[in-house]
Amino acid sequence: MEQKFTDVSLDIESAGTVAGYMVLNIGAIFFDRKRGTFGERIDLSLDVQDLEAKGYKKSKSTMEFWDKQPDGVREHCWAGILPVNDALRRLARFLEPALFNDSHIWVKGEHMDIAMLEFMYDAEGLPVPWMYRAPKDLRTYELALVDAGLDTEFIIPHEGPAHTGLSDAIYQARWVMAAFRRLNQ
């Protein structure tokens, strides 16, 4: 029997921190926070020329951040070939199994990743591929653990280079699983 996943970890890499700035790379992975298992994953790098043609911007401070990243990370995020509309449609198709009421899309700061993607879906005339109550913020989850008196200093190694969407999404999923285990000890 195929396992259904109710959790998705999603991360973007961008050239700014608010809607209207370039989303360069999107990574997502299905996981089950209760069982500690992973499902399918997706890694999408968008075409910077298409982003520029559509009027998406770059912030000076974020560009300074990117200048300090390793070559492989910069290349992964800045050498994308997927047109914006194609990347968003691929993400929507990937997320289709999560479109039921009890799904959760975990992000680290829903006012950035989710807001930037929702802005792009709207700009492209595409429906947002998640329910309004699906996004969950890791930072809020962490605060709840701290408020409950639980330690949140999990030692979780980062798989792959930091600051690529999929690598960060996997890390976030592993963090949520560790937090769930901590809550249920």
Protein backbone atom coordinates (compact mmCIF):
# COMPACT_ATOMS: atom_id res chain seq x y z
CA MET A 1 0.00 0.00 0.00
CA GLU A 2 1.39 3.39 -1.00
CA GLN A 3 1.95 5.80 1.88
CA LYS A 4 0.05 9.09 1.78
CA PHE A 5 1.99 12.04 3.03
CA THR A 6 0.32 14.91 4.85
CA ASP A 7 3.46 17.00 5.18
CA VAL A 8 5.47 18.92 2.59
CA SER A 9 8.57 20.95 3.35
CA LEU A 10 9.08 23.82 0.92
CA ASP A 11 11.93 26.29 0.57
CA ILE A 12 12.79 28.98 -1.92
CA GLU A 13 15.98 30.80 -2.72
CA SER A 14 15.45 34.36 -3.86
CA ALA A 15 16.99 37.70 -4.76
CA GLY A 16 14.97 39.54 -2.11
CA THR A 17 12.75 38.90 0.88
CA VAL A 18 9.33 40.17 -0.18
CA ALA A 19 6.88 39.60 -3.02
CA GLY A 20 8.02 41.07 -6.31
CA TYR A 21 11.62 39.93 -5.95
CA MET A 22 13.07 37.03 -7.95
CA VAL A 23 12.44 33.47 -6.76
CA LEU A 24 15.44 31.65 -8.18
CA ASN A 25 15.06 28.12 -6.86
CA ILE A 26 12.21 26.12 -5.33
CA GLY A 27 12.68 22.87 -3.47
CA ALA A 28 10.06 20.67 -1.83
CA ILE A 29 9.85 17.20 -0.34
CA PHE A 30 6.94 15.13 0.95
CA PHE A 31 7.47 13.65 4.41
CA ASP A 32 5.61 12.13 7.33
CA ARG A 33 6.51 13.86 10.58
CA LYS A 34 5.00 11.03 12.65
CA ARG A 35 6.69 8.10 10.89
CA GLY A 36 9.92 9.92 10.03
CA THR A 37 9.77 8.96 6.36
CA PHE A 38 10.34 10.84 3.12
CA GLY A 39 8.52 10.74 -0.19
CA GLU A 40 8.99 12.43 -3.53
CA ARG A 41 10.99 15.61 -3.97
CA ILE A 42 11.30 18.38 -6.52
CA ASP A 43 14.03 20.91 -7.33
CA LEU A 44 13.18 23.76 -9.72
CA SER A 45 15.58 26.50 -10.86
CA LEU A 46 13.94 29.41 -12.65
CA ASP A 47 15.24 31.30 -15.66
CA VAL A 48 16.66 34.63 -14.44
CA GLN A 49 16.12 36.28 -17.85
CA ASP A 50 12.43 35.33 -17.75
CA LEU A 51 12.17 36.66 -14.20
CA GLU A 52 13.78 39.96 -15.28
CA ALA A 53 11.51 40.22 -18.33
CA LYS A 54 8.49 39.84 -16.04
CA GLY A 55 9.73 42.66 -13.81
CA TYR A 56 10.97 40.71 -10.78
CA LYS A 57 13.64 42.58 -8.86
CA LYS A 58 16.93 41.93 -7.01
CA SER A 59 17.78 43.57 -3.69
CA LYS A 60 21.26 44.95 -3.15
CA SER A 61 21.67 43.29 0.26
CA THR A 62 20.52 39.92 -1.04
CA MET A 63 22.90 40.18 -3.98
CA GLU A 64 25.72 40.79 -1.48
CA PHE A 65 24.61 37.60 0.31
CA TRP A 66 24.73 35.65 -2.97
CA ASP A 67 28.21 36.99 -3.75
CA LYS A 68 29.46 35.26 -0.56
CA GLN A 69 27.98 31.83 -1.41
CA PRO A 70 30.03 28.96 -2.84
CA ASP A 71 30.22 28.78 -6.64
CA GLY A 72 28.18 25.56 -6.84
CA VAL A 73 25.34 27.03 -4.80
CA ARG A 74 25.26 30.24 -6.87
CA GLU A 75 25.35 28.26 -10.09
CA HIS A 76 22.53 25.96 -8.95
CA CYS A 77 20.27 28.87 -8.08
CA TRP A 78 21.23 31.39 -10.76
CA ALA A 79 21.64 29.16 -13.84
CA GLY A 80 18.04 27.98 -14.05
CA ILE A 81 16.33 27.41 -17.38
CA LEU A 82 12.68 26.99 -16.36
CA PRO A 83 10.35 29.80 -17.38
CA VAL A 84 8.36 31.16 -14.43
CA ASN A 85 5.00 29.80 -15.59
CA ASP A 86 6.44 26.34 -16.26
CA ALA A 87 8.14 26.17 -12.85
CA LEU A 88 4.94 27.20 -11.04
CA ARG A 89 2.88 24.64 -12.97
CA ARG A 90 5.42 21.91 -12.15
CA LEU A 91 5.28 22.83 -8.47
CA ALA A 92 1.47 22.75 -8.57
CA ARG A 93 1.47 19.28 -10.17
CA PHE A 94 3.98 18.08 -7.59
CA LEU A 95 1.81 19.37 -4.74
CA GLU A 96 -1.46 17.84 -6.06
CA PRO A 97 -1.33 14.88 -3.61
CA ALA A 98 -1.20 17.39 -0.72
CA LEU A 99 -4.41 19.17 -1.67
CA PHE A 100 -6.58 17.59 0.98
CA ASN A 101 -7.77 19.19 4.20
CA ASP A 102 -5.20 17.88 6.66
CA SER A 103 -2.06 18.63 4.65
CA HIS A 104 0.69 20.89 5.95
CA ILE A 105 3.22 22.88 3.94
CA TRP A 106 6.14 23.64 6.24
CA VAL A 107 8.26 26.71 5.58
CA LYS A 108 10.69 28.76 7.60
CA GLY A 109 8.81 32.03 7.65
CA GLU A 110 5.52 31.76 5.79
CA HIS A 111 5.47 35.52 5.20
CA MET A 112 8.38 35.13 2.83
CA ASP A 113 8.32 31.83 0.92
CA ILE A 114 4.55 31.42 0.78
CA ALA A 115 3.86 35.12 0.16
CA MET A 116 6.42 35.33 -2.65
CA LEU A 117 5.07 32.21 -4.36
CA GLU A 118 1.44 33.29 -3.96
CA PHE A 119 2.34 36.64 -5.55
CA MET A 120 3.92 34.81 -8.49
CA TYR A 121 0.96 32.46 -8.95
CA ASP A 122 -1.35 35.48 -9.00
CA ALA A 123 0.89 37.38 -11.45
CA GLU A 124 0.87 34.37 -13.78
CA GLY A 125 -2.92 34.00 -13.52
CA LEU A 126 -2.56 30.56 -11.91
CA PRO A 127 -4.41 29.25 -8.86
CA VAL A 128 -2.39 28.86 -5.67
CA PRO A 129 -1.86 25.08 -5.27
CA TRP A 130 -2.52 24.84 -1.54
CA MET A 131 -5.36 25.56 0.81
CA TYR A 132 -5.16 28.78 2.84
CA ARG A 133 -4.67 26.85 6.08
CA ALA A 134 -1.95 24.51 4.79
CA PRO A 135 1.14 26.70 5.40
CA LYS A 136 2.88 26.09 8.73
CA ASP A 137 5.79 28.12 10.04
CA LEU A 138 8.76 26.29 11.58
CA ARG A 139 9.63 29.36 13.64
CA THR A 140 6.19 29.35 15.29
CA TYR A 141 6.54 25.62 15.94
CA GLU A 142 9.94 26.24 17.53
CA LEU A 143 8.52 29.00 19.76
CA ALA A 144 5.76 26.66 20.92
CA LEU A 145 8.37 24.06 21.90
CA VAL A 146 10.40 26.66 23.80
CA ASP A 147 7.26 27.92 25.55
CA ALA A 148 6.50 24.33 26.55
CA GLY A 149 9.96 24.12 28.13
CA LEU A 150 11.37 21.74 25.54
CA ASP A 151 14.89 21.92 24.11
CA THR A 152 14.98 22.87 20.43
CA GLU A 153 18.71 22.46 19.88
CA PHE A 154 18.48 19.42 17.62
CA ILE A 155 21.68 18.32 15.99
CA ILE A 156 20.54 17.74 12.44
CA PRO A 157 23.16 17.64 9.72
CA HIS A 158 22.40 19.53 6.54
CA GLU A 159 22.17 17.23 3.50
CA GLY A 160 23.76 18.96 0.55
CA PRO A 161 24.76 22.57 0.33
CA ALA A 162 22.87 25.17 2.34
CA HIS A 163 20.94 27.79 0.37
CA THR A 164 19.54 25.54 -2.30
CA GLY A 165 15.80 25.04 -2.11
CA LEU A 166 15.73 21.24 -1.95
CA SER A 167 18.63 20.90 0.48
CA ASP A 168 17.03 23.42 2.84
CA ALA A 169 13.59 21.78 2.43
CA ILE A 170 15.06 18.41 3.46
CA TYR A 171 16.74 20.00 6.48
CA GLN A 172 13.44 21.66 7.49
CA ALA A 173 11.56 18.35 7.16
CA ARG A 174 14.15 16.60 9.32
CA TRP A 175 13.81 19.39 11.90
CA VAL A 176 10.00 19.02 12.00
CA MET A 177 10.36 15.25 12.48
CA ALA A 178 12.84 15.76 15.33
CA ALA A 179 10.54 18.34 16.93
CA PHE A 180 7.58 15.97 16.67
CA ARG A 181 9.60 13.21 18.35
CA ARG A 182 10.61 15.64 21.10
CA LEU A 183 6.99 16.62 21.69
CA ASN A 184 5.96 13.00 21.97
CA GLN A 185 8.66 11.72 24.34
